[in-house]
Amino acid sequence: MYDALHGRLTDHHRFLLELHLGQWDALDASIRVVDREVDARVNRMDAEARADKARFSDLIGLRESIPGVSKLSALSILS
């Protein structure tokens, strides 16, 4: 590893880097797909909400206003 970080990149190192970067890209793409699906479902729930009930996106926003609570955490809490 020391050699790879100091300019001695071998074919083996390149192979491993390409492998890991491919895995990273695949996981990143999967996360983007899941995020789009979650957003679509939240939008659908908001559209179907009754007038006398809070919208799901508003509930997410309220939880996000708590210090340290991200959108993902807020969604998890509500789920």
C-alpha atoms as a PDB file:
ATOM      1  CA  MET A   1       0.000   0.000   0.000  1.00  0.00           C
ATOM      2  CA  TYR A   2       2.853   2.390   0.825  1.00  0.00           C
ATOM      3  CA  ASP A   3       4.309   1.850  -2.642  1.00  0.00           C
ATOM      4  CA  ALA A   4       0.969   2.561  -4.313  1.00  0.00           C
ATOM      5  CA  LEU A   5       0.642   5.867  -2.479  1.00  0.00           C
ATOM      6  CA  HIS A   6       4.150   6.923  -3.403  1.00  0.00           C
ATOM      7  CA  GLY A   7       4.139   6.507  -7.158  1.00  0.00           C
ATOM      8  CA  ARG A   8       4.776   2.792  -7.493  1.00  0.00           C
ATOM      9  CA  LEU A   9       1.406   1.778  -8.870  1.00  0.00           C
ATOM     10  CA  THR A  10       1.507  -1.754 -10.257  1.00  0.00           C
ATOM     11  CA  ASP A  11      -0.972  -3.524 -12.506  1.00  0.00           C
ATOM     12  CA  HIS A  12      -2.262  -5.283  -9.403  1.00  0.00           C
ATOM     13  CA  HIS A  13      -2.916  -1.936  -7.706  1.00  0.00           C
ATOM     14  CA  ARG A  14      -4.689  -0.632 -10.796  1.00  0.00           C
ATOM     15  CA  PHE A  15      -6.827  -3.758 -10.905  1.00  0.00           C
ATOM     16  CA  LEU A  16      -7.853  -3.344  -7.265  1.00  0.00           C
ATOM     17  CA  LEU A  17      -8.526   0.379  -7.663  1.00  0.00           C
ATOM     18  CA  GLU A  18     -10.724  -0.245 -10.707  1.00  0.00           C
ATOM     19  CA  LEU A  19     -12.571  -2.970  -8.828  1.00  0.00           C
ATOM     20  CA  HIS A  20     -13.218  -0.762  -5.808  1.00  0.00           C
ATOM     21  CA  LEU A  21     -14.187   2.252  -7.888  1.00  0.00           C
ATOM     22  CA  GLY A  22     -16.664   0.092  -9.799  1.00  0.00           C
ATOM     23  CA  GLN A  23     -18.205  -1.059  -6.532  1.00  0.00           C
ATOM     24  CA  TRP A  24     -18.352   2.532  -5.296  1.00  0.00           C
ATOM     25  CA  ASP A  25     -20.088   3.669  -8.496  1.00  0.00           C
ATOM     26  CA  ALA A  26     -22.615   0.808  -8.311  1.00  0.00           C
ATOM     27  CA  LEU A  27     -23.461   1.577  -4.686  1.00  0.00           C
ATOM     28  CA  ASP A  28     -23.723   5.297  -5.439  1.00  0.00           C
ATOM     29  CA  ALA A  29     -26.131   4.583  -8.305  1.00  0.00           C
ATOM     30  CA  SER A  30     -28.243   2.331  -6.059  1.00  0.00           C
ATOM     31  CA  ILE A  31     -28.433   5.019  -3.392  1.00  0.00           C
ATOM     32  CA  ARG A  32     -29.621   7.557  -5.989  1.00  0.00           C
ATOM     33  CA  VAL A  33     -32.345   5.122  -7.166  1.00  0.00           C
ATOM     34  CA  VAL A  34     -33.537   4.553  -3.589  1.00  0.00           C
ATOM     35  CA  ASP A  35     -33.522   8.311  -2.878  1.00  0.00           C
ATOM     36  CA  ARG A  36     -35.661   8.990  -5.976  1.00  0.00           C
ATOM     37  CA  GLU A  37     -38.110   6.252  -4.952  1.00  0.00           C
ATOM     38  CA  VAL A  38     -38.405   7.616  -1.416  1.00  0.00           C
ATOM     39  CA  ASP A  39     -39.007  11.140  -2.745  1.00  0.00           C
ATOM     40  CA  ALA A  40     -41.671   9.835  -5.140  1.00  0.00           C
ATOM     41  CA  ARG A  41     -43.460   7.990  -2.344  1.00  0.00           C
ATOM     42  CA  VAL A  42     -43.352  11.011  -0.035  1.00  0.00           C
ATOM     43  CA  ASN A  43     -44.802  13.147  -2.851  1.00  0.00           C
ATOM     44  CA  ARG A  44     -47.521  10.560  -3.438  1.00  0.00           C
ATOM     45  CA  MET A  45     -48.376  10.471   0.264  1.00  0.00           C
ATOM     46  CA  ASP A  46     -48.548  14.279   0.324  1.00  0.00           C
ATOM     47  CA  ALA A  47     -50.881  14.276  -2.689  1.00  0.00           C
ATOM     48  CA  GLU A  48     -53.158  11.705  -1.038  1.00  0.00           C
ATOM     49  CA  ALA A  49     -53.196  13.411   2.373  1.00  0.00           C
ATOM     50  CA  ARG A  50     -56.505  14.624   3.705  1.00  0.00           C
ATOM     51  CA  ALA A  51     -56.901  18.362   4.176  1.00  0.00           C
ATOM     52  CA  ASP A  52     -57.197  18.006   7.967  1.00  0.00           C
ATOM     53  CA  LYS A  53     -53.955  15.988   8.280  1.00  0.00           C
ATOM     54  CA  ALA A  54     -50.339  17.134   8.186  1.00  0.00           C
ATOM     55  CA  ARG A  55     -48.431  16.411   5.001  1.00  0.00           C
ATOM     56  CA  PHE A  56     -45.664  13.838   5.334  1.00  0.00           C
ATOM     57  CA  SER A  57     -43.072  16.253   3.956  1.00  0.00           C
ATOM     58  CA  ASP A  58     -44.055  18.787   6.639  1.00  0.00           C
ATOM     59  CA  LEU A  59     -43.563  16.154   9.335  1.00  0.00           C
ATOM     60  CA  ILE A  60     -40.148  15.342   7.872  1.00  0.00           C
ATOM     61  CA  GLY A  61     -39.259  19.039   7.951  1.00  0.00           C
ATOM     62  CA  LEU A  62     -40.271  19.359  11.584  1.00  0.00           C
ATOM     63  CA  ARG A  63     -38.013  16.486  12.585  1.00  0.00           C
ATOM     64  CA  GLU A  64     -35.166  17.871  10.486  1.00  0.00           C
ATOM     65  CA  SER A  65     -35.366  21.076  12.538  1.00  0.00           C
ATOM     66  CA  ILE A  66     -34.093  19.101  15.536  1.00  0.00           C
ATOM     67  CA  PRO A  67     -30.305  19.576  15.781  1.00  0.00           C
ATOM     68  CA  GLY A  68     -28.500  16.481  14.526  1.00  0.00           C
ATOM     69  CA  VAL A  69     -31.517  15.003  12.712  1.00  0.00           C
ATOM     70  CA  SER A  70     -30.947  14.623   8.960  1.00  0.00           C
ATOM     71  CA  LYS A  71     -33.583  13.990   6.310  1.00  0.00           C
ATOM     72  CA  LEU A  72     -32.696  10.288   6.372  1.00  0.00           C
ATOM     73  CA  SER A  73     -33.037  10.191  10.161  1.00  0.00           C
ATOM     74  CA  ALA A  74     -36.358  12.040   9.993  1.00  0.00           C
ATOM     75  CA  LEU A  75     -37.692   9.576   7.419  1.00  0.00           C
ATOM     76  CA  SER A  76     -36.533   6.656   9.540  1.00  0.00           C
ATOM     77  CA  ILE A  77     -38.159   8.062  12.659  1.00  0.00           C
ATOM     78  CA  LEU A  78     -41.477   8.568  10.877  1.00  0.00           C
ATOM     79  CA  SER A  79     -41.324   5.198   9.189  1.00  0.00           C
END
